């Protein structure tokens, strides 16, 4: 599980933060359009690795949901919001399956909205 938690935060979440920085967090004069393309490419390459790994799997590790699944689902939800999850049907289905579970956390869009109030 530790491997997939680290993979999620370093290989998937890191490019999402780069996208966020260069689209909304940095002042406009500090945003680099070229960085967006690189971050999208970085995310896509690593997400394809995960797409293959998740083929035939219901959970990241083992036979039941773990914290690794919820961290990954939240990160994939952010990726969908950032429009970089297209073309990854297994990951999209997995994310929706995790959010369909009872007591699932709020979706990232709702979490961001709650912060802005």
PDB file of N, CA and C in Angstrom:
ATOM      1  N   UNK A   1       0.808  -1.183   0.000  1.00  0.00           N
ATOM      2  CA  UNK A   1       0.000   0.000   0.000  1.00  0.00           C
ATOM      3  C   UNK A   1       0.862   1.262   0.000  1.00  0.00           C
ATOM      4  N   UNK A   2       1.957   1.217   0.728  1.00  0.00           N
ATOM      5  CA  UNK A   2       2.832   2.388   0.786  1.00  0.00           C
ATOM      6  C   UNK A   2       3.320   2.768  -0.611  1.00  0.00           C
ATOM      7  N   UNK A   3       3.650   1.782  -1.425  1.00  0.00           N
ATOM      8  CA  UNK A   3       4.110   2.055  -2.790  1.00  0.00           C
ATOM      9  C   UNK A   3       3.063   2.845  -3.568  1.00  0.00           C
ATOM     10  N   UNK A   4       1.781   2.441  -3.462  1.00  0.00           N
ATOM     11  CA  UNK A   4       0.740   3.109  -4.230  1.00  0.00           C
ATOM     12  C   UNK A   4       0.357   4.450  -3.625  1.00  0.00           C
ATOM     13  N   UNK A   5       0.474   4.611  -2.319  1.00  0.00           N
ATOM     14  CA  UNK A   5       0.270   5.935  -1.728  1.00  0.00           C
ATOM     15  C   UNK A   5       1.344   6.905  -2.212  1.00  0.00           C
ATOM     16  N   UNK A   6       2.590   6.437  -2.224  1.00  0.00           N
ATOM     17  CA  UNK A   6       3.677   7.292  -2.716  1.00  0.00           C
ATOM     18  C   UNK A   6       3.531   7.569  -4.212  1.00  0.00           C
ATOM     19  N   UNK A   7       3.153   6.573  -4.973  1.00  0.00           N
ATOM     20  CA  UNK A   7       2.927   6.764  -6.406  1.00  0.00           C
ATOM     21  C   UNK A   7       1.854   7.826  -6.629  1.00  0.00           C
ATOM     22  N   UNK A   8       0.766   7.731  -5.881  1.00  0.00           N
ATOM     23  CA  UNK A   8      -0.329   8.687  -6.028  1.00  0.00           C
ATOM     24  C   UNK A   8       0.134  10.106  -5.742  1.00  0.00           C
ATOM     25  N   UNK A   9       0.854  10.291  -4.649  1.00  0.00           N
ATOM     26  CA  UNK A   9       1.253  11.651  -4.272  1.00  0.00           C
ATOM     27  C   UNK A   9       2.397  12.200  -5.119  1.00  0.00           C
ATOM     28  N   UNK A  10       3.325  11.358  -5.511  1.00  0.00           N
ATOM     29  CA  UNK A  10       4.477  11.884  -6.259  1.00  0.00           C
ATOM     30  C   UNK A  10       4.254  11.904  -7.767  1.00  0.00           C
ATOM     31  N   UNK A  11       3.585  10.899  -8.296  1.00  0.00           N
ATOM     32  CA  UNK A  11       3.471  10.781  -9.752  1.00  0.00           C
ATOM     33  C   UNK A  11       2.152  11.310 -10.314  1.00  0.00           C
ATOM     34  N   UNK A  12       1.098  11.319  -9.506  1.00  0.00           N
ATOM     35  CA  UNK A  12      -0.189  11.816  -9.988  1.00  0.00           C
ATOM     36  C   UNK A  12      -0.542  13.176  -9.403  1.00  0.00           C
ATOM     37  N   UNK A  13      -0.391  13.322  -8.110  1.00  0.00           N
ATOM     38  CA  UNK A  13      -0.776  14.572  -7.465  1.00  0.00           C
ATOM     39  C   UNK A  13       0.182  15.711  -7.802  1.00  0.00           C
ATOM     40  N   UNK A  14       1.448  15.410  -7.914  1.00  0.00           N
ATOM     41  CA  UNK A  14       2.441  16.458  -8.184  1.00  0.00           C
ATOM     42  C   UNK A  14       2.146  17.201  -9.494  1.00  0.00           C
ATOM     43  N   UNK A  15       1.867  16.508 -10.613  1.00  0.00           N
ATOM     44  CA  UNK A  15       1.527  17.260 -11.817  1.00  0.00           C
ATOM     45  C   UNK A  15       0.205  18.020 -11.684  1.00  0.00           C
ATOM     46  N   UNK A  16      -0.726  17.509 -10.869  1.00  0.00           N
ATOM     47  CA  UNK A  16      -1.973  18.239 -10.658  1.00  0.00           C
ATOM     48  C   UNK A  16      -1.723  19.562  -9.936  1.00  0.00           C
ATOM     49  N   UNK A  17      -0.801  19.548  -8.984  1.00  0.00           N
ATOM     50  CA  UNK A  17      -0.440  20.795  -8.305  1.00  0.00           C
ATOM     51  C   UNK A  17       0.210  21.765  -9.282  1.00  0.00           C
ATOM     52  N   UNK A  18       1.043  21.250 -10.179  1.00  0.00           N
ATOM     53  CA  UNK A  18       1.668  22.123 -11.181  1.00  0.00           C
ATOM     54  C   UNK A  18       0.601  22.759 -12.071  1.00  0.00           C
ATOM     55  N   UNK A  19      -0.383  21.978 -12.456  1.00  0.00           N
ATOM     56  CA  UNK A  19      -1.488  22.514 -13.261  1.00  0.00           C
ATOM     57  C   UNK A  19      -2.228  23.591 -12.473  1.00  0.00           C
ATOM     58  N   UNK A  20      -2.536  23.314 -11.219  1.00  0.00           N
ATOM     59  CA  UNK A  20      -3.254  24.293 -10.386  1.00  0.00           C
ATOM     60  C   UNK A  20      -2.456  25.581 -10.225  1.00  0.00           C
ATOM     61  N   UNK A  21      -1.169  25.445  -9.998  1.00  0.00           N
ATOM     62  CA  UNK A  21      -0.329  26.635  -9.829  1.00  0.00           C
ATOM     63  C   UNK A  21      -0.344  27.524 -11.074  1.00  0.00           C
ATOM     64  N   UNK A  22      -0.241  26.887 -12.236  1.00  0.00           N
ATOM     65  CA  UNK A  22      -0.098  27.661 -13.471  1.00  0.00           C
ATOM     66  C   UNK A  22      -1.428  27.996 -14.134  1.00  0.00           C
ATOM     67  N   UNK A  23      -2.549  27.651 -13.482  1.00  0.00           N
ATOM     68  CA  UNK A  23      -3.858  28.064 -13.983  1.00  0.00           C
ATOM     69  C   UNK A  23      -4.595  28.989 -13.021  1.00  0.00           C
ATOM     70  N   UNK A  24      -4.346  28.837 -11.714  1.00  0.00           N
ATOM     71  CA  UNK A  24      -5.123  29.664 -10.790  1.00  0.00           C
ATOM     72  C   UNK A  24      -4.391  30.146  -9.549  1.00  0.00           C
ATOM     73  N   UNK A  25      -3.361  29.462  -9.106  1.00  0.00           N
ATOM     74  CA  UNK A  25      -2.715  29.864  -7.859  1.00  0.00           C
ATOM     75  C   UNK A  25      -1.689  30.981  -8.037  1.00  0.00           C
ATOM     76  N   UNK A  26      -0.855  30.860  -9.051  1.00  0.00           N
ATOM     77  CA  UNK A  26       0.150  31.905  -9.295  1.00  0.00           C
ATOM     78  C   UNK A  26      -0.512  33.133  -9.902  1.00  0.00           C
ATOM     79  N   UNK A  27       0.074  34.315  -9.644  1.00  0.00           N
ATOM     80  CA  UNK A  27      -0.406  35.499 -10.357  1.00  0.00           C
ATOM     81  C   UNK A  27      -0.199  35.277 -11.867  1.00  0.00           C
ATOM     82  N   UNK A  28      -1.038  35.888 -12.672  1.00  0.00           N
ATOM     83  CA  UNK A  28      -0.982  35.644 -14.119  1.00  0.00           C
ATOM     84  C   UNK A  28       0.400  35.865 -14.712  1.00  0.00           C
ATOM     85  N   UNK A  29       1.139  36.831 -14.220  1.00  0.00           N
ATOM     86  CA  UNK A  29       2.458  37.109 -14.803  1.00  0.00           C
ATOM     87  C   UNK A  29       3.508  36.046 -14.436  1.00  0.00           C
ATOM     88  N   UNK A  30       3.171  35.128 -13.533  1.00  0.00           N
ATOM     89  CA  UNK A  30       4.097  34.058 -13.154  1.00  0.00           C
ATOM     90  C   UNK A  30       3.701  32.701 -13.748  1.00  0.00           C
ATOM     91  N   UNK A  31       2.560  32.644 -14.411  1.00  0.00           N
ATOM     92  CA  UNK A  31       2.070  31.376 -14.977  1.00  0.00           C
ATOM     93  C   UNK A  31       2.812  31.055 -16.270  1.00  0.00           C
ATOM     94  N   UNK A  32       3.181  29.794 -16.410  1.00  0.00           N
ATOM     95  CA  UNK A  32       3.930  29.347 -17.583  1.00  0.00           C
ATOM     96  C   UNK A  32       3.089  28.340 -18.372  1.00  0.00           C
ATOM     97  N   UNK A  33       2.577  28.740 -19.531  1.00  0.00           N
ATOM     98  CA  UNK A  33       1.757  27.822 -20.333  1.00  0.00           C
ATOM     99  C   UNK A  33       2.494  26.529 -20.687  1.00  0.00           C
ATOM    100  N   UNK A  34       3.786  26.602 -20.933  1.00  0.00           N
ATOM    101  CA  UNK A  34       4.556  25.408 -21.250  1.00  0.00           C
ATOM    102  C   UNK A  34       4.578  24.411 -20.108  1.00  0.00           C
ATOM    103  N   UNK A  35       4.513  24.903 -18.898  1.00  0.00           N
ATOM    104  CA  UNK A  35       4.500  24.025 -17.724  1.00  0.00           C
ATOM    105  C   UNK A  35       3.206  23.212 -17.668  1.00  0.00           C
ATOM    106  N   UNK A  36       2.120  23.798 -18.156  1.00  0.00           N
ATOM    107  CA  UNK A  36       0.852  23.071 -18.191  1.00  0.00           C
ATOM    108  C   UNK A  36       0.944  21.844 -19.088  1.00  0.00           C
ATOM    109  N   UNK A  37       1.506  22.024 -20.260  1.00  0.00           N
ATOM    110  CA  UNK A  37       1.642  20.899 -21.195  1.00  0.00           C
ATOM    111  C   UNK A  37       2.527  19.810 -20.605  1.00  0.00           C
ATOM    112  N   UNK A  38       3.631  20.190 -19.984  1.00  0.00           N
ATOM    113  CA  UNK A  38       4.519  19.201 -19.371  1.00  0.00           C
ATOM    114  C   UNK A  38       3.829  18.458 -18.229  1.00  0.00           C
ATOM    115  N   UNK A  39       3.104  19.191 -17.410  1.00  0.00           N
ATOM    116  CA  UNK A  39       2.404  18.568 -16.284  1.00  0.00           C
ATOM    117  C   UNK A  39       1.330  17.601 -16.787  1.00  0.00           C
ATOM    118  N   UNK A  40       0.606  17.987 -17.809  1.00  0.00           N
ATOM    119  CA  UNK A  40      -0.413  17.090 -18.376  1.00  0.00           C
ATOM    120  C   UNK A  40       0.237  15.826 -18.933  1.00  0.00           C
ATOM    121  N   UNK A  41       1.349  15.984 -19.627  1.00  0.00           N
ATOM    122  CA  UNK A  41       2.065  14.820 -20.164  1.00  0.00           C
ATOM    123  C   UNK A  41       2.572  13.915 -19.040  1.00  0.00           C
ATOM    124  N   UNK A  42       3.121  14.532 -17.997  1.00  0.00           N
ATOM    125  CA  UNK A  42       3.618  13.750 -16.854  1.00  0.00           C
ATOM    126  C   UNK A  42       2.480  12.964 -16.207  1.00  0.00           C
ATOM    127  N   UNK A  43       1.346  13.631 -16.000  1.00  0.00           N
ATOM    128  CA  UNK A  43       0.208  12.939 -15.407  1.00  0.00           C
ATOM    129  C   UNK A  43      -0.243  11.794 -16.301  1.00  0.00           C
ATOM    130  N   UNK A  44      -0.398  12.054 -17.582  1.00  0.00           N
ATOM    131  CA  UNK A  44      -0.897  11.039 -18.520  1.00  0.00           C
ATOM    132  C   UNK A  44      -0.005   9.801 -18.538  1.00  0.00           C
ATOM    133  N   UNK A  45       1.290  10.003 -18.543  1.00  0.00           N
ATOM    134  CA  UNK A  45       2.217   8.867 -18.589  1.00  0.00           C
ATOM    135  C   UNK A  45       2.070   7.982 -17.355  1.00  0.00           C
ATOM    136  N   UNK A  46       1.986   8.590 -16.202  1.00  0.00           N
ATOM    137  CA  UNK A  46       1.881   7.808 -14.967  1.00  0.00           C
ATOM    138  C   UNK A  46       0.478   7.232 -14.783  1.00  0.00           C
ATOM    139  N   UNK A  47      -0.538   7.951 -15.219  1.00  0.00           N
ATOM    140  CA  UNK A  47      -1.903   7.442 -15.114  1.00  0.00           C
ATOM    141  C   UNK A  47      -2.082   6.213 -16.002  1.00  0.00           C
ATOM    142  N   UNK A  48      -1.396   6.169 -17.125  1.00  0.00           N
ATOM    143  CA  UNK A  48      -1.468   4.982 -17.994  1.00  0.00           C
ATOM    144  C   UNK A  48      -0.874   3.761 -17.291  1.00  0.00           C
ATOM    145  N   UNK A  49       0.175   3.963 -16.527  1.00  0.00           N
ATOM    146  CA  UNK A  49       0.753   2.861 -15.733  1.00  0.00           C
ATOM    147  C   UNK A  49      -0.302   2.325 -14.768  1.00  0.00           C
ATOM    148  N   UNK A  50      -0.985   3.226 -14.104  1.00  0.00           N
ATOM    149  CA  UNK A  50      -2.013   2.836 -13.140  1.00  0.00           C
ATOM    150  C   UNK A  50      -3.214   2.211 -13.838  1.00  0.00           C
ATOM    151  N   UNK A  51      -3.578   2.725 -14.995  1.00  0.00           N
ATOM    152  CA  UNK A  51      -4.700   2.169 -15.764  1.00  0.00           C
ATOM    153  C   UNK A  51      -4.448   0.687 -16.055  1.00  0.00           C
ATOM    154  N   UNK A  52      -3.237   0.354 -16.461  1.00  0.00           N
ATOM    155  CA  UNK A  52      -2.875  -1.046 -16.736  1.00  0.00           C
ATOM    156  C   UNK A  52      -2.899  -1.855 -15.441  1.00  0.00           C
ATOM    157  N   UNK A  53      -2.313  -1.316 -14.388  1.00  0.00           N
ATOM    158  CA  UNK A  53      -2.259  -2.022 -13.099  1.00  0.00           C
ATOM    159  C   UNK A  53      -3.661  -2.328 -12.576  1.00  0.00           C
ATOM    160  N   UNK A  54      -4.592  -1.390 -12.729  1.00  0.00           N
ATOM    161  CA  UNK A  54      -5.934  -1.559 -12.171  1.00  0.00           C
ATOM    162  C   UNK A  54      -6.829  -2.450 -13.023  1.00  0.00           C
ATOM    163  N   UNK A  55      -6.384  -2.819 -14.198  1.00  0.00           N
ATOM    164  CA  UNK A  55      -7.177  -3.712 -15.048  1.00  0.00           C
ATOM    165  C   UNK A  55      -7.406  -5.035 -14.311  1.00  0.00           C
ATOM    166  N   UNK A  56      -8.666  -5.372 -14.121  1.00  0.00           N
ATOM    167  CA  UNK A  56      -9.001  -6.607 -13.419  1.00  0.00           C
ATOM    168  C   UNK A  56      -8.956  -6.499 -11.906  1.00  0.00           C
ATOM    169  N   UNK A  57      -8.661  -5.336 -11.377  1.00  0.00           N
ATOM    170  CA  UNK A  57      -8.613  -5.138  -9.920  1.00  0.00           C
ATOM    171  C   UNK A  57      -9.786  -4.270  -9.480  1.00  0.00           C
ATOM    172  N   UNK A  58     -10.274  -4.563  -8.304  1.00  0.00           N
ATOM    173  CA  UNK A  58     -11.311  -3.727  -7.709  1.00  0.00           C
ATOM    174  C   UNK A  58     -10.701  -2.698  -6.758  1.00  0.00           C
ATOM    175  N   UNK A  59      -9.585  -3.079  -6.120  1.00  0.00           N
ATOM    176  CA  UNK A  59      -8.928  -2.208  -5.143  1.00  0.00           C
ATOM    177  C   UNK A  59      -7.438  -2.123  -5.461  1.00  0.00           C
ATOM    178  N   UNK A  60      -6.796  -1.094  -4.967  1.00  0.00           N
ATOM    179  CA  UNK A  60      -5.368  -0.897  -5.232  1.00  0.00           C
ATOM    180  C   UNK A  60      -4.549  -2.043  -4.656  1.00  0.00           C
ATOM    181  N   UNK A  61      -4.879  -2.432  -3.438  1.00  0.00           N
ATOM    182  CA  UNK A  61      -4.153  -3.519  -2.762  1.00  0.00           C
ATOM    183  C   UNK A  61      -5.168  -4.403  -2.056  1.00  0.00           C
ATOM    184  N   UNK A  62      -5.077  -5.684  -2.250  1.00  0.00           N
ATOM    185  CA  UNK A  62      -5.909  -6.623  -1.514  1.00  0.00           C
ATOM    186  C   UNK A  62      -7.331  -6.729  -2.020  1.00  0.00           C
ATOM    187  N   UNK A  63      -8.197  -7.231  -1.143  1.00  0.00           N
ATOM    188  CA  UNK A  63      -9.576  -7.532  -1.511  1.00  0.00           C
ATOM    189  C   UNK A  63     -10.607  -6.629  -0.859  1.00  0.00           C
ATOM    190  N   UNK A  64     -10.159  -5.544  -0.265  1.00  0.00           N
ATOM    191  CA  UNK A  64     -11.100  -4.592   0.328  1.00  0.00           C
ATOM    192  C   UNK A  64     -10.511  -3.190   0.236  1.00  0.00           C
ATOM    193  N   UNK A  65     -11.383  -2.206   0.377  1.00  0.00           N
ATOM    194  CA  UNK A  65     -10.965  -0.810   0.281  1.00  0.00           C
ATOM    195  C   UNK A  65     -10.034  -0.456   1.445  1.00  0.00           C
ATOM    196  N   UNK A  66      -9.005   0.303   1.124  1.00  0.00           N
ATOM    197  CA  UNK A  66      -8.050   0.785   2.126  1.00  0.00           C
ATOM    198  C   UNK A  66      -7.889   2.295   1.960  1.00  0.00           C
ATOM    199  N   UNK A  67      -7.115   2.872   2.829  1.00  0.00           N
ATOM    200  CA  UNK A  67      -6.828   4.296   2.705  1.00  0.00           C
ATOM    201  C   UNK A  67      -6.197   4.603   1.347  1.00  0.00           C
ATOM    202  N   UNK A  68      -5.440   3.670   0.801  1.00  0.00           N
ATOM    203  CA  UNK A  68      -4.845   3.859  -0.516  1.00  0.00           C
ATOM    204  C   UNK A  68      -5.891   4.087  -1.591  1.00  0.00           C
ATOM    205  N   UNK A  69      -7.019   3.399  -1.482  1.00  0.00           N
ATOM    206  CA  UNK A  69      -8.100   3.568  -2.450  1.00  0.00           C
ATOM    207  C   UNK A  69      -8.740   4.942  -2.348  1.00  0.00           C
ATOM    208  N   UNK A  70      -8.936   5.407  -1.134  1.00  0.00           N
ATOM    209  CA  UNK A  70      -9.596   6.699  -0.972  1.00  0.00           C
ATOM    210  C   UNK A  70      -8.684   7.855  -1.346  1.00  0.00           C
ATOM    211  N   UNK A  71      -7.404   7.739  -1.058  1.00  0.00           N
ATOM    212  CA  UNK A  71      -6.451   8.763  -1.495  1.00  0.00           C
ATOM    213  C   UNK A  71      -6.390   8.790  -3.020  1.00  0.00           C
ATOM    214  N   UNK A  72      -6.322   7.615  -3.622  1.00  0.00           N
ATOM    215  CA  UNK A  72      -6.273   7.547  -5.078  1.00  0.00           C
ATOM    216  C   UNK A  72      -7.558   8.077  -5.696  1.00  0.00           C
ATOM    217  N   UNK A  73      -8.712   7.694  -5.172  1.00  0.00           N
ATOM    218  CA  UNK A  73      -9.984   8.169  -5.723  1.00  0.00           C
ATOM    219  C   UNK A  73     -10.079   9.687  -5.656  1.00  0.00           C
ATOM    220  N   UNK A  74      -9.663  10.272  -4.548  1.00  0.00           N
ATOM    221  CA  UNK A  74      -9.696  11.729  -4.391  1.00  0.00           C
ATOM    222  C   UNK A  74      -8.770  12.395  -5.412  1.00  0.00           C
ATOM    223  N   UNK A  75      -7.597  11.814  -5.607  1.00  0.00           N
ATOM    224  CA  UNK A  75      -6.650  12.355  -6.578  1.00  0.00           C
ATOM    225  C   UNK A  75      -7.199  12.226  -7.998  1.00  0.00           C
ATOM    226  N   UNK A  76      -7.825  11.113  -8.307  1.00  0.00           N
ATOM    227  CA  UNK A  76      -8.424  10.936  -9.635  1.00  0.00           C
ATOM    228  C   UNK A  76      -9.603  11.883  -9.843  1.00  0.00           C
ATOM    229  N   UNK A  77     -10.336  12.164  -8.780  1.00  0.00           N
ATOM    230  CA  UNK A  77     -11.426  13.137  -8.870  1.00  0.00           C
ATOM    231  C   UNK A  77     -10.870  14.518  -9.213  1.00  0.00           C
ATOM    232  N   UNK A  78      -9.750  14.867  -8.602  1.00  0.00           N
ATOM    233  CA  UNK A  78      -9.077  16.128  -8.911  1.00  0.00           C
ATOM    234  C   UNK A  78      -8.614  16.120 -10.373  1.00  0.00           C
ATOM    235  N   UNK A  79      -8.087  14.986 -10.828  1.00  0.00           N
ATOM    236  CA  UNK A  79      -7.642  14.869 -12.218  1.00  0.00           C
ATOM    237  C   UNK A  79      -8.806  15.058 -13.180  1.00  0.00           C
ATOM    238  N   UNK A  80      -9.957  14.522 -12.823  1.00  0.00           N
ATOM    239  CA  UNK A  80     -11.131  14.714 -13.679  1.00  0.00           C
ATOM    240  C   UNK A  80     -11.505  16.184 -13.731  1.00  0.00           C
ATOM    241  N   UNK A  81     -11.459  16.842 -12.597  1.00  0.00           N
ATOM    242  CA  UNK A  81     -11.754  18.280 -12.531  1.00  0.00           C
ATOM    243  C   UNK A  81     -10.756  19.079 -13.367  1.00  0.00           C
ATOM    244  N   UNK A  82      -9.512  18.619 -13.421  1.00  0.00           N
ATOM    245  CA  UNK A  82      -8.458  19.287 -14.200  1.00  0.00           C
ATOM    246  C   UNK A  82      -8.463  18.854 -15.674  1.00  0.00           C
ATOM    247  N   UNK A  83      -9.409  18.016 -16.041  1.00  0.00           N
ATOM    248  CA  UNK A  83      -9.551  17.543 -17.429  1.00  0.00           C
ATOM    249  C   UNK A  83      -8.346  16.766 -17.933  1.00  0.00           C
ATOM    250  N   UNK A  84      -7.767  15.930 -17.087  1.00  0.00           N
ATOM    251  CA  UNK A  84      -6.638  15.093 -17.524  1.00  0.00           C
ATOM    252  C   UNK A  84      -6.920  13.600 -17.347  1.00  0.00           C
ATOM    253  N   UNK A  85      -8.161  13.256 -17.058  1.00  0.00           N
ATOM    254  CA  UNK A  85      -8.496  11.849 -16.840  1.00  0.00           C
ATOM    255  C   UNK A  85      -9.123  11.199 -18.075  1.00  0.00           C
ATOM    256  N   UNK A  86      -9.326  11.963 -19.122  1.00  0.00           N
ATOM    257  CA  UNK A  86      -9.926  11.428 -20.347  1.00  0.00           C
ATOM    258  C   UNK A  86      -9.080  10.298 -20.922  1.00  0.00           C
ATOM    259  N   UNK A  87      -9.751   9.311 -21.481  1.00  0.00           N
ATOM    260  CA  UNK A  87      -9.050   8.195 -22.109  1.00  0.00           C
ATOM    261  C   UNK A  87      -8.564   7.141 -21.145  1.00  0.00           C
ATOM    262  N   UNK A  88      -9.013   7.212 -19.904  1.00  0.00           N
ATOM    263  CA  UNK A  88      -8.603   6.246 -18.878  1.00  0.00           C
ATOM    264  C   UNK A  88      -9.860   5.639 -18.256  1.00  0.00           C
ATOM    265  N   UNK A  89     -10.564   4.793 -19.008  1.00  0.00           N
ATOM    266  CA  UNK A  89     -11.875   4.315 -18.541  1.00  0.00           C
ATOM    267  C   UNK A  89     -11.828   3.497 -17.257  1.00  0.00           C
ATOM    268  N   UNK A  90     -10.797   2.714 -17.051  1.00  0.00           N
ATOM    269  CA  UNK A  90     -10.728   1.919 -15.822  1.00  0.00           C
ATOM    270  C   UNK A  90     -10.571   2.830 -14.611  1.00  0.00           C
ATOM    271  N   UNK A  91      -9.724   3.846 -14.732  1.00  0.00           N
ATOM    272  CA  UNK A  91      -9.523   4.753 -13.599  1.00  0.00           C
ATOM    273  C   UNK A  91     -10.781   5.566 -13.316  1.00  0.00           C
ATOM    274  N   UNK A  92     -11.474   5.998 -14.363  1.00  0.00           N
ATOM    275  CA  UNK A  92     -12.719   6.742 -14.152  1.00  0.00           C
ATOM    276  C   UNK A  92     -13.761   5.857 -13.468  1.00  0.00           C
ATOM    277  N   UNK A  93     -13.899   4.617 -13.930  1.00  0.00           N
ATOM    278  CA  UNK A  93     -14.865   3.699 -13.325  1.00  0.00           C
ATOM    279  C   UNK A  93     -14.498   3.405 -11.868  1.00  0.00           C
ATOM    280  N   UNK A  94     -13.212   3.173 -11.625  1.00  0.00           N
ATOM    281  CA  UNK A  94     -12.733   2.910 -10.260  1.00  0.00           C
ATOM    282  C   UNK A  94     -13.069   4.089  -9.342  1.00  0.00           C
ATOM    283  N   UNK A  95     -12.795   5.307  -9.805  1.00  0.00           N
ATOM    284  CA  UNK A  95     -13.075   6.490  -9.003  1.00  0.00           C
ATOM    285  C   UNK A  95     -14.566   6.561  -8.670  1.00  0.00           C
ATOM    286  N   UNK A  96     -15.414   6.341  -9.657  1.00  0.00           N
ATOM    287  CA  UNK A  96     -16.856   6.392  -9.422  1.00  0.00           C
ATOM    288  C   UNK A  96     -17.296   5.287  -8.455  1.00  0.00           C
ATOM    289  N   UNK A  97     -16.686   4.123  -8.567  1.00  0.00           N
ATOM    290  CA  UNK A  97     -17.005   3.027  -7.639  1.00  0.00           C
ATOM    291  C   UNK A  97     -16.639   3.401  -6.206  1.00  0.00           C
ATOM    292  N   UNK A  98     -15.511   4.056  -6.022  1.00  0.00           N
ATOM    293  CA  UNK A  98     -15.096   4.449  -4.666  1.00  0.00           C
ATOM    294  C   UNK A  98     -16.052   5.501  -4.097  1.00  0.00           C
ATOM    295  N   UNK A  99     -16.477   6.447  -4.933  1.00  0.00           N
ATOM    296  CA  UNK A  99     -17.389   7.486  -4.447  1.00  0.00           C
ATOM    297  C   UNK A  99     -18.815   6.982  -4.274  1.00  0.00           C
ATOM    298  N   UNK A 100     -19.149   5.847  -4.861  1.00  0.00           N
ATOM    299  CA  UNK A 100     -20.481   5.270  -4.691  1.00  0.00           C
ATOM    300  C   UNK A 100     -20.599   4.480  -3.385  1.00  0.00           C
ATOM    301  N   UNK A 101     -19.484   4.262  -2.717  1.00  0.00           N
ATOM    302  CA  UNK A 101     -19.492   3.499  -1.466  1.00  0.00           C
ATOM    303  C   UNK A 101     -20.189   4.306  -0.365  1.00  0.00           C
ATOM    304  N   UNK A 102     -20.832   3.591   0.576  1.00  0.00           N
ATOM    305  CA  UNK A 102     -21.439   4.302   1.706  1.00  0.00           C
ATOM    306  C   UNK A 102     -20.365   5.079   2.487  1.00  0.00           C
ATOM    307  N   UNK A 103     -20.705   6.243   2.929  1.00  0.00           N
ATOM    308  CA  UNK A 103     -19.833   7.085   3.747  1.00  0.00           C
ATOM    309  C   UNK A 103     -18.600   7.590   2.995  1.00  0.00           C
ATOM    310  N   UNK A 104     -18.672   7.629   1.676  1.00  0.00           N
ATOM    311  CA  UNK A 104     -17.545   8.169   0.903  1.00  0.00           C
ATOM    312  C   UNK A 104     -17.384   9.649   1.238  1.00  0.00           C
ATOM    313  N   UNK A 105     -16.162  10.148   1.196  1.00  0.00           N
ATOM    314  CA  UNK A 105     -15.955  11.574   1.469  1.00  0.00           C
ATOM    315  C   UNK A 105     -16.556  12.432   0.358  1.00  0.00           C
ATOM    316  N   UNK A 106     -16.652  13.723   0.612  1.00  0.00           N
ATOM    317  CA  UNK A 106     -17.202  14.605  -0.413  1.00  0.00           C
ATOM    318  C   UNK A 106     -16.263  14.665  -1.621  1.00  0.00           C
ATOM    319  N   UNK A 107     -16.840  14.934  -2.772  1.00  0.00           N
ATOM    320  CA  UNK A 107     -16.057  15.064  -3.999  1.00  0.00           C
ATOM    321  C   UNK A 107     -15.186  16.319  -3.896  1.00  0.00           C
ATOM    322  N   UNK A 108     -14.113  16.345  -4.651  1.00  0.00           N
ATOM    323  CA  UNK A 108     -13.152  17.448  -4.529  1.00  0.00           C
ATOM    324  C   UNK A 108     -13.778  18.801  -4.894  1.00  0.00           C
ATOM    325  N   UNK A 109     -14.672  18.824  -5.860  1.00  0.00           N
ATOM    326  CA  UNK A 109     -15.323  20.084  -6.233  1.00  0.00           C
ATOM    327  C   UNK A 109     -16.125  20.635  -5.058  1.00  0.00           C
ATOM    328  N   UNK A 110     -16.833  19.760  -4.353  1.00  0.00           N
ATOM    329  CA  UNK A 110     -17.593  20.183  -3.177  1.00  0.00           C
ATOM    330  C   UNK A 110     -16.656  20.620  -2.050  1.00  0.00           C
ATOM    331  N   UNK A 111     -15.531  19.924  -1.899  1.00  0.00           N
ATOM    332  CA  UNK A 111     -14.560  20.308  -0.867  1.00  0.00           C
ATOM    333  C   UNK A 111     -13.990  21.691  -1.161  1.00  0.00           C
ATOM    334  N   UNK A 112     -13.621  21.955  -2.424  1.00  0.00           N
ATOM    335  CA  UNK A 112     -13.105  23.276  -2.800  1.00  0.00           C
ATOM    336  C   UNK A 112     -14.176  24.345  -2.573  1.00  0.00           C
ATOM    337  N   UNK A 113     -15.413  24.041  -2.924  1.00  0.00           N
ATOM    338  CA  UNK A 113     -16.499  25.004  -2.740  1.00  0.00           C
ATOM    339  C   UNK A 113     -16.708  25.326  -1.271  1.00  0.00           C
ATOM    340  N   UNK A 114     -16.572  24.341  -0.412  1.00  0.00           N
ATOM    341  CA  UNK A 114     -16.769  24.579   1.024  1.00  0.00           C
ATOM    342  C   UNK A 114     -15.685  25.474   1.605  1.00  0.00           C
ATOM    343  N   UNK A 115     -14.496  25.433   1.015  1.00  0.00           N
ATOM    344  CA  UNK A 115     -13.392  26.283   1.470  1.00  0.00           C
ATOM    345  C   UNK A 115     -13.632  27.728   1.065  1.00  0.00           C
ATOM    346  N   UNK A 116     -14.216  27.942  -0.078  1.00  0.00           N
ATOM    347  CA  UNK A 116     -14.402  29.295  -0.630  1.00  0.00           C
ATOM    348  C   UNK A 116     -15.543  30.059   0.022  1.00  0.00           C
ATOM    349  N   UNK A 117     -16.341  29.408   0.850  1.00  0.00           N
ATOM    350  CA  UNK A 117     -17.498  30.091   1.454  1.00  0.00           C
ATOM    351  C   UNK A 117     -17.091  31.118   2.444  1.00  0.00           C
TER     352      UNK A 117
END
